[in-house]
PDB file of N, CA and C in Angstrom:
ATOM      1  N   UNK A   1       0.823  -1.181   0.000  1.00  0.00           N
ATOM      2  CA  UNK A   1       0.000   0.000   0.000  1.00  0.00           C
ATOM      3  C   UNK A   1       0.875   1.255   0.000  1.00  0.00           C
ATOM      4  N   UNK A   2       1.953   1.245   0.767  1.00  0.00           N
ATOM      5  CA  UNK A   2       2.878   2.376   0.770  1.00  0.00           C
ATOM      6  C   UNK A   2       4.001   2.076  -0.217  1.00  0.00           C
ATOM      7  N   UNK A   3       3.908   2.664  -1.389  1.00  0.00           N
ATOM      8  CA  UNK A   3       4.899   2.399  -2.422  1.00  0.00           C
ATOM      9  C   UNK A   3       6.079   3.353  -2.319  1.00  0.00           C
ATOM     10  N   UNK A   4       7.230   2.795  -2.011  1.00  0.00           N
ATOM     11  CA  UNK A   4       8.449   3.590  -1.975  1.00  0.00           C
ATOM     12  C   UNK A   4       9.154   3.483  -3.315  1.00  0.00           C
ATOM     13  N   UNK A   5       9.828   4.543  -3.715  1.00  0.00           N
ATOM     14  CA  UNK A   5      10.580   4.483  -4.962  1.00  0.00           C
ATOM     15  C   UNK A   5      11.840   3.651  -4.740  1.00  0.00           C
ATOM     16  N   UNK A   6      12.453   3.257  -5.828  1.00  0.00           N
ATOM     17  CA  UNK A   6      13.654   2.427  -5.743  1.00  0.00           C
ATOM     18  C   UNK A   6      14.911   3.244  -5.476  1.00  0.00           C
ATOM     19  N   UNK A   7      14.808   4.551  -5.436  1.00  0.00           N
ATOM     20  CA  UNK A   7      15.954   5.403  -5.138  1.00  0.00           C
ATOM     21  C   UNK A   7      16.782   5.768  -6.350  1.00  0.00           C
ATOM     22  N   UNK A   8      16.347   5.381  -7.536  1.00  0.00           N
ATOM     23  CA  UNK A   8      17.131   5.650  -8.735  1.00  0.00           C
ATOM     24  C   UNK A   8      17.145   7.134  -9.099  1.00  0.00           C
ATOM     25  N   UNK A   9      16.144   7.889  -8.644  1.00  0.00           N
ATOM     26  CA  UNK A   9      16.093   9.319  -8.955  1.00  0.00           C
ATOM     27  C   UNK A   9      16.852  10.156  -7.936  1.00  0.00           C
ATOM     28  N   UNK A  10      17.336   9.550  -6.873  1.00  0.00           N
ATOM     29  CA  UNK A  10      18.065  10.289  -5.853  1.00  0.00           C
ATOM     30  C   UNK A  10      17.137  10.932  -4.861  1.00  0.00           C
ATOM     31  N   UNK A  11      17.671  11.843  -4.100  1.00  0.00           N
ATOM     32  CA  UNK A  11      16.869  12.525  -3.100  1.00  0.00           C
ATOM     33  C   UNK A  11      17.006  11.895  -1.727  1.00  0.00           C
ATOM     34  N   UNK A  12      16.380  12.523  -0.767  1.00  0.00           N
ATOM     35  CA  UNK A  12      16.425  12.053   0.612  1.00  0.00           C
ATOM     36  C   UNK A  12      15.391  10.941   0.783  1.00  0.00           C
ATOM     37  N   UNK A  13      15.772   9.834   1.423  1.00  0.00           N
ATOM     38  CA  UNK A  13      14.778   8.775   1.632  1.00  0.00           C
ATOM     39  C   UNK A  13      13.660   9.239   2.562  1.00  0.00           C
ATOM     40  N   UNK A  14      12.446   8.749   2.361  1.00  0.00           N
ATOM     41  CA  UNK A  14      11.318   9.197   3.189  1.00  0.00           C
ATOM     42  C   UNK A  14      11.414   8.662   4.609  1.00  0.00           C
ATOM     43  N   UNK A  15      10.776   9.364   5.553  1.00  0.00           N
ATOM     44  CA  UNK A  15      10.684   8.864   6.919  1.00  0.00           C
ATOM     45  C   UNK A  15       9.718   7.690   6.949  1.00  0.00           C
ATOM     46  N   UNK A  16       9.885   6.858   7.923  1.00  0.00           N
ATOM     47  CA  UNK A  16       8.992   5.732   8.124  1.00  0.00           C
ATOM     48  C   UNK A  16       7.587   6.255   8.416  1.00  0.00           C
ATOM     49  N   UNK A  17       6.545   5.650   7.834  1.00  0.00           N
ATOM     50  CA  UNK A  17       5.179   6.126   8.071  1.00  0.00           C
ATOM     51  C   UNK A  17       4.766   6.092   9.538  1.00  0.00           C
ATOM     52  N   UNK A  18       5.272   5.148  10.306  1.00  0.00           N
ATOM     53  CA  UNK A  18       4.938   5.072  11.730  1.00  0.00           C
ATOM     54  C   UNK A  18       5.519   6.274  12.467  1.00  0.00           C
ATOM     55  N   UNK A  19       6.739   6.676  12.116  1.00  0.00           N
ATOM     56  CA  UNK A  19       7.369   7.851  12.726  1.00  0.00           C
ATOM     57  C   UNK A  19       6.567   9.102  12.390  1.00  0.00           C
ATOM     58  N   UNK A  20       6.132   9.221  11.148  1.00  0.00           N
ATOM     59  CA  UNK A  20       5.343  10.380  10.742  1.00  0.00           C
ATOM     60  C   UNK A  20       4.008  10.426  11.486  1.00  0.00           C
ATOM     61  N   UNK A  21       3.367   9.273  11.651  1.00  0.00           N
ATOM     62  CA  UNK A  21       2.100   9.231  12.369  1.00  0.00           C
ATOM     63  C   UNK A  21       2.288   9.628  13.833  1.00  0.00           C
ATOM     64  N   UNK A  22       3.338   9.121  14.465  1.00  0.00           N
ATOM     65  CA  UNK A  22       3.614   9.491  15.863  1.00  0.00           C
ATOM     66  C   UNK A  22       3.871  10.985  15.972  1.00  0.00           C
ATOM     67  N   UNK A  23       4.605  11.547  15.014  1.00  0.00           N
ATOM     68  CA  UNK A  23       4.868  12.987  15.022  1.00  0.00           C
ATOM     69  C   UNK A  23       3.604  13.796  14.855  1.00  0.00           C
ATOM     70  N   UNK A  24       2.714  13.360  13.984  1.00  0.00           N
ATOM     71  CA  UNK A  24       1.441  14.061  13.799  1.00  0.00           C
ATOM     72  C   UNK A  24       0.575  13.998  15.048  1.00  0.00           C
ATOM     73  N   UNK A  25       0.592  12.862  15.727  1.00  0.00           N
ATOM     74  CA  UNK A  25      -0.178  12.732  16.967  1.00  0.00           C
ATOM     75  C   UNK A  25       0.385  13.664  18.034  1.00  0.00           C
ATOM     76  N   UNK A  26       1.715  13.701  18.173  1.00  0.00           N
ATOM     77  CA  UNK A  26       2.332  14.613  19.147  1.00  0.00           C
ATOM     78  C   UNK A  26       1.981  16.066  18.840  1.00  0.00           C
ATOM     79  N   UNK A  27       2.084  16.439  17.570  1.00  0.00           N
ATOM     80  CA  UNK A  27       1.783  17.817  17.171  1.00  0.00           C
ATOM     81  C   UNK A  27       0.321  18.164  17.451  1.00  0.00           C
ATOM     82  N   UNK A  28      -0.585  17.230  17.189  1.00  0.00           N
ATOM     83  CA  UNK A  28      -2.007  17.484  17.430  1.00  0.00           C
ATOM     84  C   UNK A  28      -2.314  17.577  18.923  1.00  0.00           C
ATOM     85  N   UNK A  29      -1.673  16.725  19.721  1.00  0.00           N
ATOM     86  CA  UNK A  29      -1.920  16.756  21.162  1.00  0.00           C
ATOM     87  C   UNK A  29      -1.454  18.052  21.797  1.00  0.00           C
ATOM     88  N   UNK A  30      -0.359  18.588  21.289  1.00  0.00           N
ATOM     89  CA  UNK A  30       0.216  19.795  21.881  1.00  0.00           C
ATOM     90  C   UNK A  30      -0.144  21.055  21.093  1.00  0.00           C
ATOM     91  N   UNK A  31      -0.923  20.898  20.011  1.00  0.00           N
ATOM     92  CA  UNK A  31      -1.387  22.020  19.202  1.00  0.00           C
ATOM     93  C   UNK A  31      -0.229  22.923  18.762  1.00  0.00           C
ATOM     94  N   UNK A  32       0.740  22.321  18.061  1.00  0.00           N
ATOM     95  CA  UNK A  32       1.928  23.069  17.630  1.00  0.00           C
ATOM     96  C   UNK A  32       2.112  22.961  16.115  1.00  0.00           C
ATOM     97  N   UNK A  33       2.832  23.921  15.561  1.00  0.00           N
ATOM     98  CA  UNK A  33       3.091  23.963  14.125  1.00  0.00           C
ATOM     99  C   UNK A  33       4.215  22.991  13.759  1.00  0.00           C
ATOM    100  N   UNK A  34       4.435  22.814  12.462  1.00  0.00           N
ATOM    101  CA  UNK A  34       5.505  21.939  11.991  1.00  0.00           C
ATOM    102  C   UNK A  34       6.879  22.452  12.417  1.00  0.00           C
ATOM    103  N   UNK A  35       7.076  23.766  12.310  1.00  0.00           N
ATOM    104  CA  UNK A  35       8.371  24.344  12.682  1.00  0.00           C
ATOM    105  C   UNK A  35       8.633  24.169  14.178  1.00  0.00           C
ATOM    106  N   UNK A  36       7.610  24.392  14.983  1.00  0.00           N
ATOM    107  CA  UNK A  36       7.759  24.203  16.433  1.00  0.00           C
ATOM    108  C   UNK A  36       7.987  22.732  16.764  1.00  0.00           C
ATOM    109  N   UNK A  37       7.332  21.841  16.038  1.00  0.00           N
ATOM    110  CA  UNK A  37       7.506  20.401  16.238  1.00  0.00           C
ATOM    111  C   UNK A  37       8.954  20.008  15.973  1.00  0.00           C
ATOM    112  N   UNK A  38       9.516  20.507  14.877  1.00  0.00           N
ATOM    113  CA  UNK A  38      10.912  20.197  14.559  1.00  0.00           C
ATOM    114  C   UNK A  38      11.838  20.692  15.664  1.00  0.00           C
ATOM    115  N   UNK A  39      11.588  21.905  16.162  1.00  0.00           N
ATOM    116  CA  UNK A  39      12.407  22.448  17.242  1.00  0.00           C
ATOM    117  C   UNK A  39      12.314  21.580  18.497  1.00  0.00           C
ATOM    118  N   UNK A  40      11.111  21.183  18.876  1.00  0.00           N
ATOM    119  CA  UNK A  40      10.925  20.408  20.090  1.00  0.00           C
ATOM    120  C   UNK A  40      11.517  19.009  19.981  1.00  0.00           C
ATOM    121  N   UNK A  41      11.494  18.422  18.793  1.00  0.00           N
ATOM    122  CA  UNK A  41      12.125  17.110  18.604  1.00  0.00           C
ATOM    123  C   UNK A  41      13.625  17.228  18.811  1.00  0.00           C
ATOM    124  N   UNK A  42      14.210  18.325  18.349  1.00  0.00           N
ATOM    125  CA  UNK A  42      15.651  18.520  18.528  1.00  0.00           C
ATOM    126  C   UNK A  42      16.000  18.947  19.958  1.00  0.00           C
ATOM    127  N   UNK A  43      15.063  19.608  20.639  1.00  0.00           N
ATOM    128  CA  UNK A  43      15.329  20.171  21.959  1.00  0.00           C
ATOM    129  C   UNK A  43      15.159  19.158  23.089  1.00  0.00           C
ATOM    130  N   UNK A  44      14.177  18.306  23.001  1.00  0.00           N
ATOM    131  CA  UNK A  44      13.866  17.373  24.089  1.00  0.00           C
ATOM    132  C   UNK A  44      14.442  15.999  23.797  1.00  0.00           C
ATOM    133  N   UNK A  45      14.745  15.253  24.850  1.00  0.00           N
ATOM    134  CA  UNK A  45      15.227  13.887  24.678  1.00  0.00           C
ATOM    135  C   UNK A  45      14.084  12.882  24.574  1.00  0.00           C
ATOM    136  N   UNK A  46      12.955  13.177  25.183  1.00  0.00           N
ATOM    137  CA  UNK A  46      11.863  12.210  25.221  1.00  0.00           C
ATOM    138  C   UNK A  46      11.180  12.051  23.853  1.00  0.00           C
ATOM    139  N   UNK A  47      11.053  13.131  23.096  1.00  0.00           N
ATOM    140  CA  UNK A  47      10.341  13.034  21.826  1.00  0.00           C
ATOM    141  C   UNK A  47      11.102  12.234  20.783  1.00  0.00           C
ATOM    142  N   UNK A  48      12.402  12.469  20.566  1.00  0.00           N
ATOM    143  CA  UNK A  48      13.111  11.612  19.597  1.00  0.00           C
ATOM    144  C   UNK A  48      13.117  10.151  20.027  1.00  0.00           C
ATOM    145  N   UNK A  49      13.191   9.921  21.329  1.00  0.00           N
ATOM    146  CA  UNK A  49      13.163   8.546  21.822  1.00  0.00           C
ATOM    147  C   UNK A  49      11.814   7.902  21.502  1.00  0.00           C
ATOM    148  N   UNK A  50      10.726   8.627  21.704  1.00  0.00           N
ATOM    149  CA  UNK A  50       9.391   8.115  21.388  1.00  0.00           C
ATOM    150  C   UNK A  50       9.245   7.844  19.897  1.00  0.00           C
ATOM    151  N   UNK A  51       9.799   8.727  19.084  1.00  0.00           N
ATOM    152  CA  UNK A  51       9.689   8.577  17.628  1.00  0.00           C
ATOM    153  C   UNK A  51      10.616   7.514  17.070  1.00  0.00           C
ATOM    154  N   UNK A  52      11.596   7.070  17.866  1.00  0.00           N
ATOM    155  CA  UNK A  52      12.488   6.007  17.432  1.00  0.00           C
ATOM    156  C   UNK A  52      13.745   6.482  16.745  1.00  0.00           C
ATOM    157  N   UNK A  53      14.101   7.762  16.922  1.00  0.00           N
ATOM    158  CA  UNK A  53      15.338   8.268  16.335  1.00  0.00           C
ATOM    159  C   UNK A  53      16.537   7.849  17.173  1.00  0.00           C
ATOM    160  N   UNK A  54      17.694   7.726  16.524  1.00  0.00           N
ATOM    161  CA  UNK A  54      18.933   7.386  17.195  1.00  0.00           C
ATOM    162  C   UNK A  54      19.436   8.624  17.940  1.00  0.00           C
ATOM    163  N   UNK A  55      19.527   8.542  19.263  1.00  0.00           N
ATOM    164  CA  UNK A  55      19.926   9.700  20.065  1.00  0.00           C
ATOM    165  C   UNK A  55      21.399  10.054  19.874  1.00  0.00           C
ATOM    166  N   UNK A  56      22.237   9.099  19.493  1.00  0.00           N
ATOM    167  CA  UNK A  56      23.656   9.381  19.258  1.00  0.00           C
ATOM    168  C   UNK A  56      23.854  10.225  18.005  1.00  0.00           C
ATOM    169  N   UNK A  57      22.992  10.049  17.008  1.00  0.00           N
ATOM    170  CA  UNK A  57      23.115  10.781  15.750  1.00  0.00           C
ATOM    171  C   UNK A  57      22.379  12.108  15.778  1.00  0.00           C
ATOM    172  N   UNK A  58      21.613  12.403  16.836  1.00  0.00           N
ATOM    173  CA  UNK A  58      20.800  13.612  16.878  1.00  0.00           C
ATOM    174  C   UNK A  58      21.635  14.879  16.892  1.00  0.00           C
ATOM    175  N   UNK A  59      22.833  14.854  17.475  1.00  0.00           N
ATOM    176  CA  UNK A  59      23.670  16.034  17.568  1.00  0.00           C
ATOM    177  C   UNK A  59      24.468  16.330  16.319  1.00  0.00           C
ATOM    178  N   UNK A  60      24.479  15.415  15.350  1.00  0.00           N
ATOM    179  CA  UNK A  60      25.289  15.600  14.146  1.00  0.00           C
ATOM    180  C   UNK A  60      24.603  16.468  13.144  1.00  0.00           C
TER     181      UNK A  60
END
């Protein structure tokens, strides 16, 4: 159902749909914009952990 491209055209690979859904739920619960959501994911340790991001790579 979720068709990913084969990567032959290049570009950044898409985020996992589960991560995107969790991010949308967090944003809706806290009533925040996309820009604020990005800031809070980078600022807090709990949100990237909930979304499944690698905490060691977050500072790079």
